[in-house]
Every structure is written in structure tokens, then in C-alpha cells.
Amino acid sequence: MNKIKQKASMLIACTLLFGALLSACGTGAEQPPAEPPGIGDNSGEEQPDNNTPETPDADPDAVPKFEQELNNAKDAAGAIGAMDQHMKGATPEQADEMFVLLEKFYETDLSSAEQPLMDPAAQQALLEIELPMTGQKAAELKDEKLRTAVQGLLAGKYKLETAEGSVFPVVDYKALAEAYQSYFTDAIKDYIALKAADSEQPVARDAALAITADELAARALAAENYLAKYPDSVRFDTVKIDYLHKLTMVLFGLNNTPTFDYNDYRLTGEAKANLEKIVAEHPDTVTSGFVQEFLDIVKQSNGQVYVKKDGQQTDAPEMKSFKDSMRETVEKRIAEKK
């Protein structure tokens, strides 16, 4: 069942790897999407938070105590139990630190969390259940070992996802938001909102865009807004990588949903219209600036996104320079837009 580990790793890598996605993109634009909650303000200034609980008697050692329990936790359910215990007496800043530690825990826990699901019989049983997996559905699983494992995953704020015929756990950011949102600073609240949007409706499945082009653009713009609003966030670099990843998909697509025709590498009419829409509707954003540069290069290249060299898909020199510019200048451009 190495296939299952590959699918879980693929979803995680989807938010972390920028370079690997420079050869593709998605199309399709239906309904205008709503922005992820908490990211709607585009002023670039943090807004006062009136919903964070007061913690006059906060324990100054809450974070190290939580970290110690986290290190001793046997599974994600134990980690969440420790989070529940220490979050209530924490300041927003302490809550942020605990969340960062929890995310780090998930990174190392995922491989062991998915082990009970790797058995072929377990996979078959899970594939017969319509997702999302709920506590009630988990309780109805006939195999006791599988039932216990799935219930433990849900208690640990995991959810089950599927791709290419496999079922595997991913972090349930929506569940984390519902449990702890009120304790964090705005920077972490808005970060979780970005992550929840992707965990609730993944951007890609099976090397193809799984959301509309409009929704993809909205998520890229939301990530850009986060970077402008929280330049000192502990999750700035994480969101920057995610922004570049989404921007790359906006421009080039994914292997099974490219913005260009594989026969001649020309930008499709539908993709061109989607990109021109971003420029028209969001003219003062870093995203629209990159999109316009991309369109200008394609126009100069007789409509081609790539060129063929020795029978292979190849970047034209101008397009390669543009891709390098995206990686190297995004942070500076966002700072200049403030």
C-alpha cells in the first residue's frame, strides 16, 4: 500500500513545492467564488480582534508545558487533548506558538496515522463509505481495529480524503478552526482560514484542477493579501510558497488541465479569457501584475506558452526569466504594494 502514502504525501507536497508545478495549469470558470473567511480585508492593516478571550491569569509556562505533553503524545488524539488542556489559559501569542507546535507534530505523525488504513481490506471498507467521514459513520465500521483507528483520527482533528482510489488522512483545518479559532491572533486565524479552504475543497486531484479557475484565482489573491497584511507572521514563508504554487497553476495549469494545448503549446482561448479577467477585476494586485507579464510574453511568442526543442516541451528564454522573477521578486512586490 505504498500508493496510499504517495497520495497523502502528494497532497502535502502540493502546498510546499513550487518548482515541480511549472509545467501545467487548470481551466474552467463558473460561479464567482467567495474568499476564504478572515481574508477579505485588503487594506494591508491588521484589524482589531474583539473576540479573543481575555487571559488575565495566563500561565507563563503554558507553551513549554504543552510542548512537553506533545512530545509524549502517542497520537494526534493525545496531542489534541493537550491542546484542549493548555489553550484555555493561554494568551493569543501563546496560542499561536502552540498551534505552530501542533502543525509540526502533524508533519511527523501523519505516516503513523495512516498505517491502520493501508490494509487492502481497510481500504475497501473505507471506499464503500461516502465521504466526509463522520463520527456516526466511523462507529458503523464493522472491523473493530479499523473503527478504533478512524475514530482516533477524527479525535485528532484529521479527516479522510481520497485520490486515485485510495483513502488517507489529512489535517482537518476546519475542525481546528472551529475548536480554537477564538484563541489565536488574527495572523494565525487568517492562516487557518487559508488552509481550511484548501482542506475542505482541494485545489487539485489526480494531477488536474479540482476547483474552478475563478476559485483558484480567488485563493491566490487571498494568499497574496495575507502576505501583505502579515509580513511578520510566523507562517509568512509557508503562505508565500503556497501563493507561488497557486499562481503557477493559474498561469500554467496542471498536467491534466493545462492552460495550453499540448499539440502546439498555444494558450487556449478559455485560459486567456480567465487570465484577462484577473487583470481586469484585480488591477492593483501583485497577482494581476504577474498575469499581465505572462500574457505579454505569450503574445510576443506568437501565443505559445512553451516551445518545442529537440522534440521536447521547453521554456523560451523569456518565459524562463519570468518564472525566475516570480520566485525572486514576489516578496518585494508585495511589500511595495502596501
Protein backbone atom coordinates (compact mmCIF):
# COMPACT_ATOMS: atom_id res chain seq x y z
CA MET A 1 0.00 0.00 0.00
CA ASN A 2 2.84 2.43 -0.70
CA LYS A 3 0.36 4.01 -3.07
CA ILE A 4 -1.58 5.43 -0.13
CA LYS A 5 1.50 7.08 1.36
CA GLN A 6 2.22 8.58 -2.03
CA LYS A 7 -1.24 10.13 -2.24
CA ALA A 8 -1.04 11.61 1.25
CA SER A 9 2.44 12.93 0.55
CA MET A 10 1.24 14.32 -2.76
CA LEU A 11 -1.40 16.49 -1.10
CA ILE A 12 1.09 17.81 1.43
CA ALA A 13 3.68 18.48 -1.25
CA CYS A 14 1.04 20.27 -3.30
CA THR A 15 1.24 23.15 -0.85
CA LEU A 16 5.00 23.06 -0.38
CA LEU A 17 6.55 22.53 -3.81
CA PHE A 18 6.66 25.31 -6.37
CA GLY A 19 9.16 24.22 -8.93
CA ALA A 20 7.54 20.88 -9.72
CA LEU A 21 4.38 22.58 -10.93
CA LEU A 22 5.91 24.87 -13.51
CA SER A 23 4.77 22.63 -16.40
CA ALA A 24 0.99 22.79 -16.07
CA CYS A 25 -2.47 24.60 -15.05
CA GLY A 26 -6.31 24.43 -14.92
CA THR A 27 -9.24 25.97 -16.68
CA GLY A 28 -12.91 26.49 -16.26
CA ALA A 29 -14.75 29.39 -14.65
CA GLU A 30 -18.29 29.09 -13.41
CA GLN A 31 -19.58 30.94 -10.36
CA PRO A 32 -17.63 33.79 -8.74
CA PRO A 33 -16.12 32.28 -5.58
CA ALA A 34 -16.25 33.62 -2.07
CA GLU A 35 -12.95 34.45 -0.42
CA PRO A 36 -11.82 32.21 2.41
CA PRO A 37 -13.18 33.55 5.71
CA GLY A 38 -11.00 36.02 7.53
CA ILE A 39 -9.03 37.16 4.45
CA GLY A 40 -11.49 39.61 2.95
CA ASP A 41 -9.89 42.85 4.14
CA ASN A 42 -7.43 44.07 1.54
CA SER A 43 -6.26 47.14 3.40
CA GLY A 44 -2.95 45.62 4.41
CA GLU A 45 -3.57 46.54 8.05
CA GLU A 46 -4.40 44.23 10.91
CA GLN A 47 -7.89 44.72 12.23
CA PRO A 48 -8.69 44.79 15.93
CA ASP A 49 -9.84 41.45 17.28
CA ASN A 50 -12.73 41.75 19.71
CA ASN A 51 -13.44 38.04 20.01
CA THR A 52 -10.24 36.76 21.62
CA PRO A 53 -10.88 35.62 25.21
CA GLU A 54 -9.15 37.61 27.92
CA THR A 55 -6.48 35.66 29.82
CA PRO A 56 -5.53 37.76 32.87
CA ASP A 57 -4.16 34.70 34.67
CA ALA A 58 -2.25 33.22 31.75
CA ASP A 59 0.36 30.65 32.72
CA PRO A 60 3.78 31.91 31.52
CA ASP A 61 4.88 28.28 31.16
CA ALA A 62 1.86 27.19 29.11
CA VAL A 63 3.85 26.70 25.91
CA PRO A 64 6.71 24.60 27.34
CA LYS A 65 4.21 22.53 29.30
CA PHE A 66 2.21 21.92 26.13
CA GLU A 67 5.35 21.09 24.17
CA GLN A 68 6.38 18.51 26.76
CA GLU A 69 2.98 16.83 26.61
CA LEU A 70 3.05 16.99 22.83
CA ASN A 71 6.39 15.21 22.78
CA ASN A 72 4.90 12.47 24.93
CA ALA A 73 1.66 12.17 22.94
CA LYS A 74 1.19 8.74 21.37
CA ASP A 75 -1.09 10.01 18.63
CA ALA A 76 -2.95 13.06 17.35
CA ALA A 77 -5.85 12.45 19.73
CA GLY A 78 -3.39 12.81 22.60
CA ALA A 79 -1.97 15.96 21.05
CA ILE A 80 -5.43 17.47 20.79
CA GLY A 81 -6.11 16.52 24.38
CA ALA A 82 -3.04 18.50 25.43
CA MET A 83 -4.13 21.39 23.20
CA ASP A 84 -7.53 21.45 24.87
CA GLN A 85 -5.96 21.49 28.30
CA HIS A 86 -3.50 24.33 27.76
CA MET A 87 -5.32 26.52 25.24
CA LYS A 88 -7.94 27.84 27.67
CA GLY A 89 -5.39 29.61 29.87
CA ALA A 90 -3.15 30.88 27.08
CA THR A 91 -2.66 34.34 25.68
CA PRO A 92 -3.22 34.74 21.92
CA GLU A 93 0.53 34.76 21.39
CA GLN A 94 0.94 31.57 23.40
CA ALA A 95 -1.94 30.01 21.48
CA ASP A 96 -0.16 30.84 18.23
CA GLU A 97 3.01 29.13 19.46
CA MET A 98 1.06 26.04 20.46
CA PHE A 99 -0.60 25.88 17.06
CA VAL A 100 2.77 26.03 15.31
CA LEU A 101 3.97 23.17 17.51
CA LEU A 102 0.81 21.21 16.71
CA GLU A 103 1.37 21.62 12.97
CA LYS A 104 4.92 20.35 13.43
CA PHE A 105 3.51 17.36 15.32
CA TYR A 106 1.15 16.57 12.43
CA GLU A 107 4.05 16.57 9.98
CA THR A 108 5.77 13.75 11.85
CA ASP A 109 2.60 11.93 12.92
CA LEU A 110 0.99 11.55 9.51
CA SER A 111 2.94 8.48 8.42
CA SER A 112 1.95 6.53 11.53
CA ALA A 113 -1.60 7.89 11.43
CA GLU A 114 -2.20 6.38 8.01
CA GLN A 115 -0.76 2.96 8.80
CA PRO A 116 -4.04 1.38 10.04
CA LEU A 117 -5.70 2.39 6.77
CA MET A 118 -3.14 0.77 4.49
CA ASP A 119 -4.51 -2.76 4.69
CA PRO A 120 -6.40 -3.66 1.48
CA ALA A 121 -9.45 -4.76 3.45
CA ALA A 122 -9.46 -1.45 5.33
CA GLN A 123 -9.21 0.44 2.06
CA GLN A 124 -12.11 -1.49 0.58
CA ALA A 125 -14.27 -0.80 3.62
CA LEU A 126 -13.47 2.92 3.55
CA LEU A 127 -14.03 3.24 -0.18
CA GLU A 128 -17.55 1.94 0.32
CA ILE A 129 -18.38 4.86 2.62
CA GLU A 130 -19.31 8.23 1.20
CA LEU A 131 -17.03 10.95 2.50
CA PRO A 132 -16.86 13.07 4.56
CA MET A 133 -16.25 10.57 7.32
CA THR A 134 -18.27 11.40 10.43
CA GLY A 135 -18.30 10.02 13.94
CA GLN A 136 -21.52 8.19 13.19
CA LYS A 137 -20.13 6.60 10.03
CA ALA A 138 -16.96 5.61 11.86
CA ALA A 139 -19.00 3.95 14.62
CA GLU A 140 -20.74 1.80 11.99
CA LEU A 141 -17.50 0.31 10.63
CA LYS A 142 -17.66 -3.44 11.24
CA ASP A 143 -13.96 -4.09 11.73
CA GLU A 144 -13.09 -3.14 15.31
CA LYS A 145 -9.46 -2.30 14.58
CA LEU A 146 -10.40 -0.05 11.68
CA ARG A 147 -13.26 1.52 13.62
CA THR A 148 -10.94 2.40 16.51
CA ALA A 149 -8.32 3.80 14.15
CA VAL A 150 -10.77 6.03 12.28
CA GLN A 151 -12.35 7.28 15.49
CA GLY A 152 -8.87 8.13 16.77
CA LEU A 153 -8.10 10.05 13.59
CA LEU A 154 -11.27 12.11 13.91
CA ALA A 155 -10.48 12.81 17.57
CA GLY A 156 -7.04 14.01 16.48
CA LYS A 157 -8.56 16.52 14.03
CA TYR A 158 -7.76 14.50 10.94
CA LYS A 159 -10.21 13.98 8.10
CA LEU A 160 -10.21 11.36 5.37
CA GLU A 161 -9.53 12.24 1.74
CA THR A 162 -9.44 10.15 -1.40
CA ALA A 163 -7.40 10.28 -4.59
CA GLU A 164 -6.84 7.71 -7.34
CA GLY A 165 -8.77 5.05 -5.48
CA SER A 166 -7.03 5.42 -2.11
CA VAL A 167 -8.26 6.80 1.21
CA PHE A 168 -5.85 8.59 3.54
CA PRO A 169 -5.87 11.12 6.41
CA VAL A 170 -5.13 14.84 6.12
CA VAL A 171 -5.24 17.55 8.75
CA ASP A 172 -8.75 18.93 9.21
CA TYR A 173 -8.12 22.68 9.42
CA LYS A 174 -11.82 23.45 9.52
CA ALA A 175 -12.15 21.34 12.68
CA LEU A 176 -9.13 23.10 14.19
CA ALA A 177 -10.66 26.47 13.40
CA GLU A 178 -13.97 25.51 14.97
CA ALA A 179 -12.22 24.31 18.13
CA TYR A 180 -9.61 27.02 18.67
CA GLN A 181 -10.25 29.99 16.39
CA SER A 182 -11.13 32.39 19.20
CA TYR A 183 -7.81 31.87 20.99
CA PHE A 184 -5.41 32.91 18.22
CA THR A 185 -4.12 36.23 16.93
CA ASP A 186 -5.58 37.42 13.63
CA ALA A 187 -2.47 36.26 11.75
CA ILE A 188 -3.00 32.63 12.71
CA LYS A 189 -6.77 32.86 12.37
CA ASP A 190 -6.39 34.00 8.78
CA TYR A 191 -3.70 31.43 8.09
CA ILE A 192 -6.03 28.66 9.25
CA ALA A 193 -8.76 30.12 7.04
CA LEU A 194 -6.48 29.71 4.01
CA LYS A 195 -5.60 26.16 4.99
CA ALA A 196 -9.22 25.27 5.74
CA ALA A 197 -10.31 26.39 2.27
CA ASP A 198 -7.79 24.00 0.72
CA SER A 199 -8.55 21.10 3.05
CA GLU A 200 -12.31 21.42 2.55
CA GLN A 201 -12.04 21.63 -1.24
CA PRO A 202 -8.58 20.65 -2.51
CA VAL A 203 -7.20 22.66 -5.39
CA ALA A 204 -6.10 19.59 -7.32
CA ARG A 205 -6.86 15.89 -7.61
CA ASP A 206 -5.15 13.35 -9.82
CA ALA A 207 -2.92 16.00 -11.46
CA ALA A 208 -5.95 18.05 -12.50
CA LEU A 209 -7.55 21.23 -11.21
CA ALA A 210 -10.41 20.32 -8.89
CA ILE A 211 -11.89 23.81 -8.49
CA THR A 212 -12.92 26.48 -10.99
CA ALA A 213 -10.43 28.92 -12.45
CA ASP A 214 -12.25 31.72 -10.63
CA GLU A 215 -11.89 29.93 -7.29
CA LEU A 216 -8.21 29.24 -7.93
CA ALA A 217 -7.65 32.92 -8.68
CA ALA A 218 -9.53 33.89 -5.51
CA ARG A 219 -7.32 31.64 -3.40
CA ALA A 220 -4.15 33.03 -4.96
CA LEU A 221 -5.38 36.56 -4.26
CA ALA A 222 -6.28 35.61 -0.69
CA ALA A 223 -2.76 34.30 -0.15
CA GLU A 224 -1.31 37.49 -1.62
CA ASN A 225 -3.49 39.55 0.71
CA TYR A 226 -2.27 37.53 3.69
CA LEU A 227 1.35 38.22 2.79
CA ALA A 228 0.66 41.96 2.52
CA LYS A 229 -1.30 42.03 5.75
CA TYR A 230 1.03 39.92 7.91
CA PRO A 231 4.66 40.44 6.79
CA ASP A 232 5.89 39.38 10.23
CA SER A 233 3.74 36.27 10.53
CA VAL A 234 5.43 33.07 11.62
CA ARG A 235 3.66 31.48 8.66
CA PHE A 236 4.72 34.09 6.10
CA ASP A 237 7.15 31.80 4.26
CA THR A 238 4.63 28.94 4.24
CA VAL A 239 1.97 31.14 2.67
CA LYS A 240 4.49 32.61 0.22
CA ILE A 241 5.31 29.14 -1.11
CA ASP A 242 1.61 28.35 -1.31
CA TYR A 243 0.96 31.60 -3.17
CA LEU A 244 3.65 30.84 -5.74
CA HIS A 245 2.25 27.33 -6.12
CA LYS A 246 -1.25 28.63 -6.80
CA LEU A 247 -0.02 31.42 -9.07
CA THR A 248 1.88 28.82 -11.11
CA MET A 249 -1.31 26.81 -11.52
CA VAL A 250 -3.21 29.96 -12.52
CA LEU A 251 -0.71 30.59 -15.31
CA PHE A 252 0.42 27.15 -16.45
CA GLY A 253 -2.08 24.71 -15.01
CA LEU A 254 -1.58 21.07 -14.12
CA ASN A 255 -0.63 18.10 -16.24
CA ASN A 256 -4.21 17.03 -16.86
CA THR A 257 -5.66 20.53 -17.05
CA PRO A 258 -3.06 22.75 -18.74
CA THR A 259 -3.75 26.30 -19.85
CA PHE A 260 -2.22 25.45 -23.22
CA ASP A 261 -2.74 22.92 -25.99
CA TYR A 262 -0.23 20.08 -25.81
CA ASN A 263 -0.11 19.88 -29.60
CA ASP A 264 1.26 23.37 -30.27
CA TYR A 265 1.74 24.79 -26.74
CA ARG A 266 -0.52 27.73 -27.52
CA LEU A 267 -2.51 29.34 -24.71
CA THR A 268 -6.14 28.25 -25.03
CA GLY A 269 -8.85 30.81 -25.59
CA GLU A 270 -10.58 29.87 -22.34
CA ALA A 271 -7.39 30.21 -20.31
CA LYS A 272 -6.60 33.56 -21.93
CA ALA A 273 -10.07 34.84 -21.03
CA ASN A 274 -9.66 33.68 -17.42
CA LEU A 275 -6.31 35.47 -17.12
CA GLU A 276 -7.58 38.66 -18.70
CA LYS A 277 -10.44 38.60 -16.21
CA ILE A 278 -7.99 38.61 -13.31
CA VAL A 279 -6.18 41.63 -14.75
CA ALA A 280 -9.45 43.49 -15.34
CA GLU A 281 -11.03 42.74 -11.96
CA HIS A 282 -7.91 43.00 -9.73
CA PRO A 283 -5.73 45.59 -11.48
CA ASP A 284 -3.76 46.77 -8.44
CA THR A 285 -2.59 43.38 -7.19
CA VAL A 286 0.74 41.61 -7.45
CA THR A 287 -1.13 38.68 -8.97
CA SER A 288 -2.53 40.75 -11.84
CA GLY A 289 0.95 42.15 -12.48
CA PHE A 290 2.40 38.67 -12.88
CA VAL A 291 -0.55 37.61 -15.03
CA GLN A 292 -0.12 40.59 -17.36
CA GLU A 293 3.60 39.89 -17.72
CA PHE A 294 2.78 36.29 -18.60
CA LEU A 295 0.23 37.38 -21.21
CA ASP A 296 2.71 39.82 -22.73
CA ILE A 297 5.37 37.10 -23.08
CA VAL A 298 2.86 34.70 -24.63
CA LYS A 299 1.79 37.39 -27.09
CA GLN A 300 5.41 38.01 -28.09
CA SER A 301 5.83 34.23 -28.53
CA ASN A 302 3.02 34.02 -31.08
CA GLY A 303 0.61 32.69 -28.46
CA GLN A 304 2.87 29.89 -27.24
CA VAL A 305 3.43 29.16 -23.55
CA TYR A 306 6.27 26.75 -24.38
CA VAL A 307 8.36 25.97 -27.43
CA LYS A 308 9.47 22.63 -28.82
CA LYS A 309 13.18 21.91 -28.82
CA ASP A 310 14.56 18.55 -29.90
CA GLY A 311 11.01 17.24 -29.73
CA GLN A 312 10.62 18.28 -26.08
CA GLN A 313 8.49 20.89 -24.30
CA THR A 314 10.91 23.68 -23.39
CA ASP A 315 10.80 27.13 -21.83
CA ALA A 316 11.57 30.01 -24.15
CA PRO A 317 14.29 32.24 -22.63
CA GLU A 318 11.77 34.97 -21.84
CA MET A 319 9.45 32.55 -20.05
CA LYS A 320 12.29 31.05 -18.02
CA SER A 321 13.33 34.53 -16.88
CA PHE A 322 9.73 35.28 -15.95
CA LYS A 323 9.47 32.14 -13.81
CA ASP A 324 12.69 33.03 -12.03
CA SER A 325 11.37 36.53 -11.47
CA MET A 326 8.23 35.17 -9.83
CA ARG A 327 10.25 33.33 -7.21
CA GLU A 328 12.78 36.08 -6.65
CA THR A 329 10.60 39.21 -6.61
CA VAL A 330 7.27 38.19 -5.10
CA GLU A 331 8.11 39.33 -1.57
CA LYS A 332 9.48 42.68 -2.77
CA ARG A 333 6.47 43.31 -4.99
CA ILE A 334 4.04 42.60 -2.18
CA ALA A 335 5.92 44.95 0.17
CA GLU A 336 5.81 47.67 -2.47
CA LYS A 337 2.04 47.31 -2.86
CA LYS A 338 1.35 48.16 0.79
